Amino acid sequence: MFKMSSESIVNDKNCKEKFLDHLKSQENSNFNEIKKPPDIKDDSSSTISEKLKKEKIGMLVSGISVLFGSCGQIYTKIIQKTYPEDFRTVQFLFLRSFTIFFFAIFHSYIRREKIMYLRDIPEKKWFFMRTNANFFGVACMTCALWYLRATTCIIIQNVHPLFVLIMSYFVLKEKFYFRYILGIIICFFGALVMILNEAKVKVNKMKTFSEAERSIGLFFAFIDLFFISSVKVSNKVMVNKKVPIGTQMFYVSISTMIYSSIYTIFFGGLCFKTGYLLMCLIHGIFFYLGNITQNYALQLCPLSKIILVQYLNVVYIFILSFIFLGEKIFFSDIIGASFIVGFMLYNSYYPLPVK
């Protein structure tokens, strides 16, 4: 009897120990569940959601930047039509650079950012490209605007985002998607459709240009593709290296002044009409605003995604050129533009994944 009691006691003790061990393990399990964040995936999705939000803001700001650029190009055409005998591309760029110069200093002062010395600027080859390609790119586009409609110039220029996408893949190591190839085909076809309308219009109010002269305009418009693509990529490199936009614009204005001065010394061609000088100076405002908004957009979104917003200028230019320049819009213009805008809408409706 005593033996049975002893065994019973031992068994009871073992049962109690097992029960206590079970409670302890259950408590530890519950503690671990509490301690371990239950929403690790939520944190991850929250990070992705925040990235998407930043990218959307970046694209919106980029759209505003494109609007400033479109206004600047329409305004260039207005200057040319207002002073057809006096307009000179290099003097126009020279005068505009003064506005950019003072805006850069003022902007840096307001932001309390010092303009960096050349020796302190990283990625000097890309910085050189940023400051120099800008002058030659704008010069080419300004020449093209003299011979071609503003709408046609913009359509040709809209091929450049696809070159930027290719460059961003090799230079910035951003992902390249198949839809970019599709975009190249669509946009190039759209540009060709628009170019065919050049023979139908009187571009300059002084004369109708010949086929050879229109070819000159097309040549400069296509050369501009190289320069503008280089500027976009180098601008992103400067953003990645934290080079302030005030510093970038300061040296852009300096390089423009130098090139313009050298050209003017050898070839002359100056106009001193007050209205003309004032209009050229005002143009610098559009250029500067376009650059600072684009620079901010690049801080929020990859270049490969932001550059697609550039196609919005087709819409802007159609509206602005119709309102301010009275340029005709042909049915084939709408067809050509629909290919480009259609690609942009598709890309917006089916966004690329966030890295």
Protein backbone atom coordinates (compact mmCIF):
# COMPACT_ATOMS: atom_id res chain seq x y z
CA MET A 1 0.00 0.00 0.00
CA PHE A 2 2.79 2.31 0.95
CA LYS A 3 4.58 1.39 -2.24
CA MET A 4 1.51 2.21 -4.31
CA SER A 5 1.22 5.55 -2.58
CA SER A 6 4.83 6.33 -3.27
CA GLU A 7 4.43 5.54 -6.95
CA SER A 8 1.29 7.58 -7.05
CA ILE A 9 3.07 10.53 -5.49
CA VAL A 10 5.92 10.22 -7.98
CA ASN A 11 3.47 10.09 -10.86
CA ASP A 12 1.63 13.10 -9.52
CA LYS A 13 4.90 14.96 -9.23
CA ASN A 14 5.84 14.08 -12.82
CA CYS A 15 2.43 15.19 -14.03
CA LYS A 16 2.77 18.48 -12.19
CA GLU A 17 6.23 19.07 -13.61
CA LYS A 18 5.01 18.27 -17.12
CA PHE A 19 2.03 20.56 -16.64
CA LEU A 20 4.27 23.38 -15.36
CA ASP A 21 6.73 22.83 -18.21
CA HIS A 22 3.83 22.99 -20.65
CA LEU A 23 2.62 26.26 -19.13
CA LYS A 24 6.13 27.67 -19.21
CA SER A 25 6.64 26.74 -22.86
CA GLN A 26 3.21 28.15 -23.69
CA GLU A 27 4.11 31.37 -21.89
CA ASN A 28 7.41 31.62 -23.74
CA SER A 29 5.64 30.97 -27.02
CA ASN A 30 3.15 33.73 -26.31
CA PHE A 31 5.95 36.05 -25.23
CA ASN A 32 7.86 35.36 -28.44
CA GLU A 33 4.75 36.04 -30.45
CA ILE A 34 4.34 39.36 -28.65
CA LYS A 35 8.02 40.21 -28.89
CA LYS A 36 8.28 39.31 -32.56
CA PRO A 37 6.69 42.04 -34.65
CA PRO A 38 3.58 40.47 -36.18
CA ASP A 39 3.59 42.93 -39.04
CA ILE A 40 7.04 42.48 -40.54
CA LYS A 41 5.33 42.06 -43.88
CA ASP A 42 3.26 45.12 -43.13
CA ASP A 43 6.45 47.08 -42.50
CA SER A 44 7.77 45.88 -45.83
CA SER A 45 4.56 46.76 -47.60
CA SER A 46 4.58 50.09 -45.77
CA THR A 47 8.06 50.80 -47.15
CA ILE A 48 6.92 49.87 -50.65
CA SER A 49 3.81 52.02 -50.22
CA GLU A 50 5.96 54.95 -49.14
CA LYS A 51 8.26 54.49 -52.11
CA LEU A 52 5.28 54.42 -54.45
CA LYS A 53 3.95 57.59 -52.84
CA LYS A 54 7.32 59.32 -53.31
CA GLU A 55 7.49 58.17 -56.90
CA LYS A 56 4.00 59.50 -57.60
CA ILE A 57 4.93 62.87 -56.11
CA GLY A 58 8.14 62.80 -58.17
CA MET A 59 6.17 62.12 -61.35
CA LEU A 60 3.73 64.92 -60.52
CA VAL A 61 6.58 67.38 -59.94
CA SER A 62 8.19 66.16 -63.15
CA GLY A 63 4.93 66.91 -64.97
CA ILE A 64 5.12 70.48 -63.64
CA SER A 65 8.73 70.65 -64.81
CA VAL A 66 7.69 69.55 -68.29
CA LEU A 67 5.05 72.29 -68.30
CA PHE A 68 7.71 74.93 -67.56
CA GLY A 69 9.87 73.51 -70.35
CA SER A 70 6.97 73.55 -72.80
CA CYS A 71 6.16 77.16 -71.88
CA GLY A 72 9.82 78.03 -72.48
CA GLN A 73 9.79 76.48 -75.95
CA ILE A 74 6.56 78.21 -76.94
CA TYR A 75 7.98 81.46 -75.56
CA THR A 76 11.11 80.99 -77.70
CA LYS A 77 8.88 80.70 -80.76
CA ILE A 78 7.00 83.85 -79.70
CA ILE A 79 10.28 85.79 -79.50
CA GLN A 80 11.25 84.54 -82.95
CA LYS A 81 7.91 85.59 -84.44
CA THR A 82 7.97 88.96 -82.67
CA TYR A 83 11.54 89.79 -83.78
CA PRO A 84 12.09 87.68 -86.92
CA GLU A 85 14.81 89.98 -88.28
CA ASP A 86 16.62 90.50 -84.99
CA PHE A 87 16.55 87.07 -83.36
CA ARG A 88 19.98 85.49 -82.93
CA THR A 89 20.27 82.13 -81.21
CA VAL A 90 23.59 82.82 -79.45
CA GLN A 91 22.61 86.26 -78.19
CA PHE A 92 19.33 84.79 -76.97
CA LEU A 93 21.25 82.17 -74.97
CA PHE A 94 23.72 84.79 -73.71
CA LEU A 95 20.98 87.05 -72.35
CA ARG A 96 19.08 84.14 -70.86
CA SER A 97 22.20 83.01 -69.01
CA PHE A 98 22.23 86.26 -66.99
CA THR A 99 18.80 85.45 -65.57
CA ILE A 100 19.94 81.91 -64.75
CA PHE A 101 23.12 83.27 -63.12
CA PHE A 102 21.30 85.62 -60.73
CA PHE A 103 18.57 83.10 -59.99
CA ALA A 104 21.23 80.52 -59.07
CA ILE A 105 22.91 82.91 -56.63
CA PHE A 106 19.59 84.01 -55.12
CA HIS A 107 18.32 80.44 -54.84
CA SER A 108 21.53 79.28 -53.15
CA TYR A 109 21.32 82.20 -50.72
CA ILE A 110 17.68 81.44 -49.80
CA ARG A 111 18.47 77.74 -49.35
CA ARG A 112 21.66 78.59 -47.43
CA GLU A 113 23.65 76.36 -49.76
CA LYS A 114 27.11 77.43 -50.82
CA ILE A 115 27.93 77.23 -54.50
CA MET A 116 30.55 74.50 -54.67
CA TYR A 117 34.04 75.10 -56.02
CA LEU A 118 34.88 73.18 -59.18
CA ARG A 119 37.57 71.20 -57.36
CA ASP A 120 35.01 69.92 -54.84
CA ILE A 121 32.45 68.70 -57.36
CA PRO A 122 32.37 64.88 -57.76
CA GLU A 123 31.98 63.06 -61.08
CA LYS A 124 33.62 65.87 -63.01
CA LYS A 125 33.13 64.24 -66.43
CA TRP A 126 29.37 64.12 -65.86
CA PHE A 127 29.39 67.63 -64.44
CA PHE A 128 31.24 68.80 -67.57
CA MET A 129 28.57 67.10 -69.67
CA ARG A 130 25.82 68.72 -67.57
CA THR A 131 27.13 72.25 -68.03
CA ASN A 132 28.32 72.06 -71.64
CA ALA A 133 25.81 69.80 -73.38
CA ASN A 134 23.08 72.10 -72.13
CA PHE A 135 24.38 75.03 -74.24
CA PHE A 136 24.70 73.03 -77.45
CA GLY A 137 21.39 71.23 -76.90
CA VAL A 138 19.43 74.46 -76.42
CA ALA A 139 21.26 76.03 -79.38
CA CYS A 140 20.24 73.11 -81.62
CA MET A 141 16.62 73.22 -80.48
CA THR A 142 16.45 77.00 -80.93
CA CYS A 143 17.73 76.63 -84.50
CA ALA A 144 15.23 73.85 -85.15
CA LEU A 145 12.38 76.06 -83.88
CA TRP A 146 13.29 78.66 -86.52
CA TYR A 147 12.68 76.24 -89.40
CA LEU A 148 10.02 73.93 -87.93
CA ARG A 149 6.74 74.15 -86.07
CA ALA A 150 7.00 74.07 -82.28
CA THR A 151 4.78 70.97 -82.30
CA THR A 152 7.11 69.09 -84.65
CA CYS A 153 10.20 70.06 -82.63
CA ILE A 154 8.59 68.74 -79.48
CA ILE A 155 7.51 65.49 -81.11
CA ILE A 156 11.07 64.84 -82.30
CA GLN A 157 12.42 65.80 -78.90
CA ASN A 158 10.04 63.28 -77.34
CA VAL A 159 12.13 60.46 -78.75
CA HIS A 160 14.89 61.39 -76.28
CA PRO A 161 13.34 59.69 -73.20
CA LEU A 162 13.92 56.34 -74.86
CA PHE A 163 17.61 57.12 -75.37
CA VAL A 164 17.73 58.21 -71.72
CA LEU A 165 16.25 54.87 -70.65
CA ILE A 166 19.00 53.01 -72.49
CA MET A 167 21.68 55.28 -70.99
CA SER A 168 20.21 54.95 -67.50
CA TYR A 169 20.49 51.17 -67.81
CA PHE A 170 24.21 51.27 -68.62
CA VAL A 171 25.26 54.35 -66.62
CA LEU A 172 22.90 54.40 -63.61
CA LYS A 173 22.34 50.61 -63.52
CA GLU A 174 18.58 51.09 -63.49
CA LYS A 175 16.44 48.19 -64.67
CA PHE A 176 15.49 48.01 -68.33
CA TYR A 177 12.09 46.66 -69.33
CA PHE A 178 10.83 45.29 -72.63
CA ARG A 179 8.19 48.00 -72.82
CA TYR A 180 10.98 50.51 -73.50
CA ILE A 181 11.66 48.78 -76.82
CA LEU A 182 7.96 48.96 -77.56
CA GLY A 183 8.03 52.65 -76.66
CA ILE A 184 10.92 53.32 -79.04
CA ILE A 185 8.95 51.89 -81.96
CA ILE A 186 5.70 53.68 -81.05
CA CYS A 187 7.26 57.09 -80.41
CA PHE A 188 9.50 57.00 -83.46
CA PHE A 189 6.51 56.21 -85.65
CA GLY A 190 4.53 59.02 -84.02
CA ALA A 191 7.39 61.46 -84.68
CA LEU A 192 7.56 60.48 -88.35
CA VAL A 193 3.82 61.05 -88.80
CA MET A 194 4.18 64.55 -87.35
CA ILE A 195 7.18 65.44 -89.52
CA LEU A 196 5.18 64.75 -92.68
CA ASN A 197 3.05 67.82 -91.92
CA GLU A 198 5.97 70.23 -92.29
CA ALA A 199 5.32 70.77 -96.00
CA LYS A 200 1.75 71.93 -95.27
CA VAL A 201 2.49 74.90 -93.03
CA LYS A 202 4.06 78.31 -93.10
CA VAL A 203 6.47 78.10 -90.19
CA ASN A 204 7.83 81.64 -90.13
CA LYS A 205 5.60 84.62 -90.79
CA MET A 206 8.24 86.08 -93.13
CA LYS A 207 8.51 83.14 -95.52
CA THR A 208 7.73 79.50 -96.28
CA PHE A 209 10.87 77.40 -95.98
CA SER A 210 12.09 75.11 -98.73
CA GLU A 211 12.62 71.39 -98.39
CA ALA A 212 16.36 71.93 -97.90
CA GLU A 213 15.77 74.49 -95.13
CA ARG A 214 13.30 72.21 -93.38
CA SER A 215 15.96 69.50 -93.57
CA ILE A 216 18.30 71.83 -91.65
CA GLY A 217 15.67 72.20 -88.95
CA LEU A 218 15.21 68.44 -88.76
CA PHE A 219 18.99 67.93 -88.58
CA PHE A 220 19.30 70.26 -85.56
CA ALA A 221 16.24 68.71 -83.90
CA PHE A 222 17.70 65.20 -84.12
CA ILE A 223 21.19 66.33 -83.01
CA ASP A 224 19.52 67.82 -79.95
CA LEU A 225 18.45 64.30 -78.94
CA PHE A 226 22.04 63.42 -78.04
CA PHE A 227 22.62 66.57 -76.00
CA ILE A 228 19.34 66.53 -74.11
CA SER A 229 19.72 62.82 -73.26
CA SER A 230 23.22 63.49 -71.91
CA VAL A 231 21.93 66.38 -69.79
CA LYS A 232 19.15 64.25 -68.26
CA VAL A 233 21.49 61.40 -67.29
CA SER A 234 24.24 63.68 -65.97
CA ASN A 235 21.62 65.61 -63.97
CA LYS A 236 20.62 62.37 -62.23
CA VAL A 237 24.28 61.61 -61.53
CA MET A 238 24.61 65.06 -59.92
CA VAL A 239 21.50 64.44 -57.81
CA ASN A 240 22.92 61.11 -56.63
CA LYS A 241 26.14 62.89 -55.66
CA LYS A 242 24.23 65.61 -53.77
CA VAL A 243 25.39 68.49 -55.96
CA PRO A 244 22.91 71.35 -55.28
CA ILE A 245 20.83 72.57 -58.22
CA GLY A 246 21.99 76.12 -57.50
CA THR A 247 25.58 75.03 -58.12
CA GLN A 248 24.60 73.24 -61.31
CA MET A 249 22.70 76.23 -62.68
CA PHE A 250 25.48 78.64 -61.69
CA TYR A 251 28.04 76.81 -63.82
CA VAL A 252 25.52 76.23 -66.64
CA SER A 253 25.09 80.01 -66.86
CA ILE A 254 28.86 80.60 -66.75
CA SER A 255 29.58 78.11 -69.55
CA THR A 256 26.79 79.62 -71.68
CA MET A 257 28.21 83.11 -71.19
CA ILE A 258 31.69 81.95 -72.22
CA TYR A 259 30.55 80.11 -75.36
CA SER A 260 28.23 82.95 -76.37
CA SER A 261 30.92 85.58 -75.87
CA ILE A 262 33.44 83.67 -78.00
CA TYR A 263 30.90 83.25 -80.80
CA THR A 264 29.84 86.92 -80.67
CA ILE A 265 33.45 88.15 -80.82
CA PHE A 266 34.05 86.26 -84.06
CA PHE A 267 30.66 86.50 -85.76
CA GLY A 268 28.91 89.47 -84.14
CA GLY A 269 25.16 89.75 -84.70
CA LEU A 270 23.77 91.72 -81.76
CA CYS A 271 20.40 93.39 -81.31
CA PHE A 272 19.89 96.16 -78.75
CA LYS A 273 16.13 96.63 -78.94
CA THR A 274 14.78 96.93 -75.42
CA GLY A 275 11.78 94.67 -75.97
CA TYR A 276 13.92 91.94 -77.50
CA LEU A 277 16.48 92.08 -74.70
CA LEU A 278 13.76 91.93 -72.06
CA MET A 279 12.00 88.96 -73.68
CA CYS A 280 15.26 86.99 -73.85
CA LEU A 281 15.98 87.72 -70.18
CA ILE A 282 12.49 86.57 -69.14
CA HIS A 283 13.01 83.25 -70.91
CA GLY A 284 15.60 82.31 -68.28
CA ILE A 285 12.81 82.13 -65.68
CA PHE A 286 11.11 79.23 -67.48
CA PHE A 287 14.44 77.45 -67.86
CA TYR A 288 15.37 77.81 -64.20
CA LEU A 289 11.98 76.77 -62.85
CA GLY A 290 11.96 73.76 -65.15
CA ASN A 291 15.36 72.66 -63.87
CA ILE A 292 14.74 73.06 -60.14
CA THR A 293 11.44 71.16 -60.32
CA GLN A 294 13.03 68.39 -62.38
CA ASN A 295 15.93 68.20 -59.93
CA TYR A 296 13.49 67.75 -57.03
CA ALA A 297 11.57 65.09 -58.97
CA LEU A 298 14.81 63.15 -59.53
CA GLN A 299 15.35 63.05 -55.77
CA LEU A 300 12.07 61.18 -55.36
CA CYS A 301 11.95 58.87 -58.36
CA PRO A 302 14.33 56.87 -60.61
CA LEU A 303 15.20 58.52 -63.90
CA SER A 304 13.97 55.49 -65.85
CA LYS A 305 10.45 56.07 -64.50
CA ILE A 306 10.40 59.85 -64.41
CA ILE A 307 11.59 60.31 -67.97
CA LEU A 308 8.36 58.80 -69.33
CA VAL A 309 6.45 61.80 -67.95
CA GLN A 310 8.28 63.84 -70.60
CA TYR A 311 5.63 62.77 -73.10
CA LEU A 312 3.18 65.14 -71.40
CA ASN A 313 4.74 68.01 -73.31
CA VAL A 314 2.95 66.77 -76.43
CA VAL A 315 -0.33 67.75 -74.78
CA TYR A 316 1.10 71.00 -73.42
CA ILE A 317 2.59 72.04 -76.75
CA PHE A 318 -0.57 71.29 -78.71
CA ILE A 319 -2.62 73.48 -76.37
CA LEU A 320 -0.07 76.29 -75.99
CA SER A 321 0.88 76.51 -79.68
CA PHE A 322 -2.80 76.63 -80.66
CA ILE A 323 -3.55 79.39 -78.10
CA PHE A 324 -0.43 81.57 -78.42
CA LEU A 325 0.94 80.80 -81.88
CA GLY A 326 -2.21 80.01 -83.81
CA GLU A 327 -0.57 76.91 -85.27
CA LYS A 328 -2.84 74.50 -87.10
CA ILE A 329 -3.43 71.02 -85.78
CA PHE A 330 -3.84 68.40 -88.50
CA PHE A 331 -5.66 65.12 -88.15
CA SER A 332 -2.38 63.26 -88.70
CA ASP A 333 -0.89 65.31 -85.84
CA ILE A 334 -3.52 63.84 -83.56
CA ILE A 335 -2.79 60.34 -84.85
CA GLY A 336 0.98 60.75 -84.33
CA ALA A 337 0.51 62.27 -80.87
CA SER A 338 -1.98 59.54 -79.88
CA PHE A 339 0.73 56.91 -80.37
CA ILE A 340 3.05 58.75 -77.98
CA VAL A 341 0.42 59.77 -75.42
CA GLY A 342 -1.12 56.29 -75.64
CA PHE A 343 2.19 54.75 -74.60
CA MET A 344 2.42 57.17 -71.67
CA LEU A 345 -1.12 56.34 -70.50
CA TYR A 346 -0.40 52.62 -70.74
CA ASN A 347 2.73 53.09 -68.66
CA SER A 348 0.77 55.07 -66.06
CA TYR A 349 -2.06 52.54 -65.87
CA TYR A 350 0.36 49.61 -65.59
CA PRO A 351 3.25 51.08 -63.54
CA LEU A 352 6.60 49.42 -63.37
CA PRO A 353 7.41 47.62 -60.08
CA VAL A 354 9.19 49.39 -57.23
CA LYS A 355 12.72 48.14 -56.53
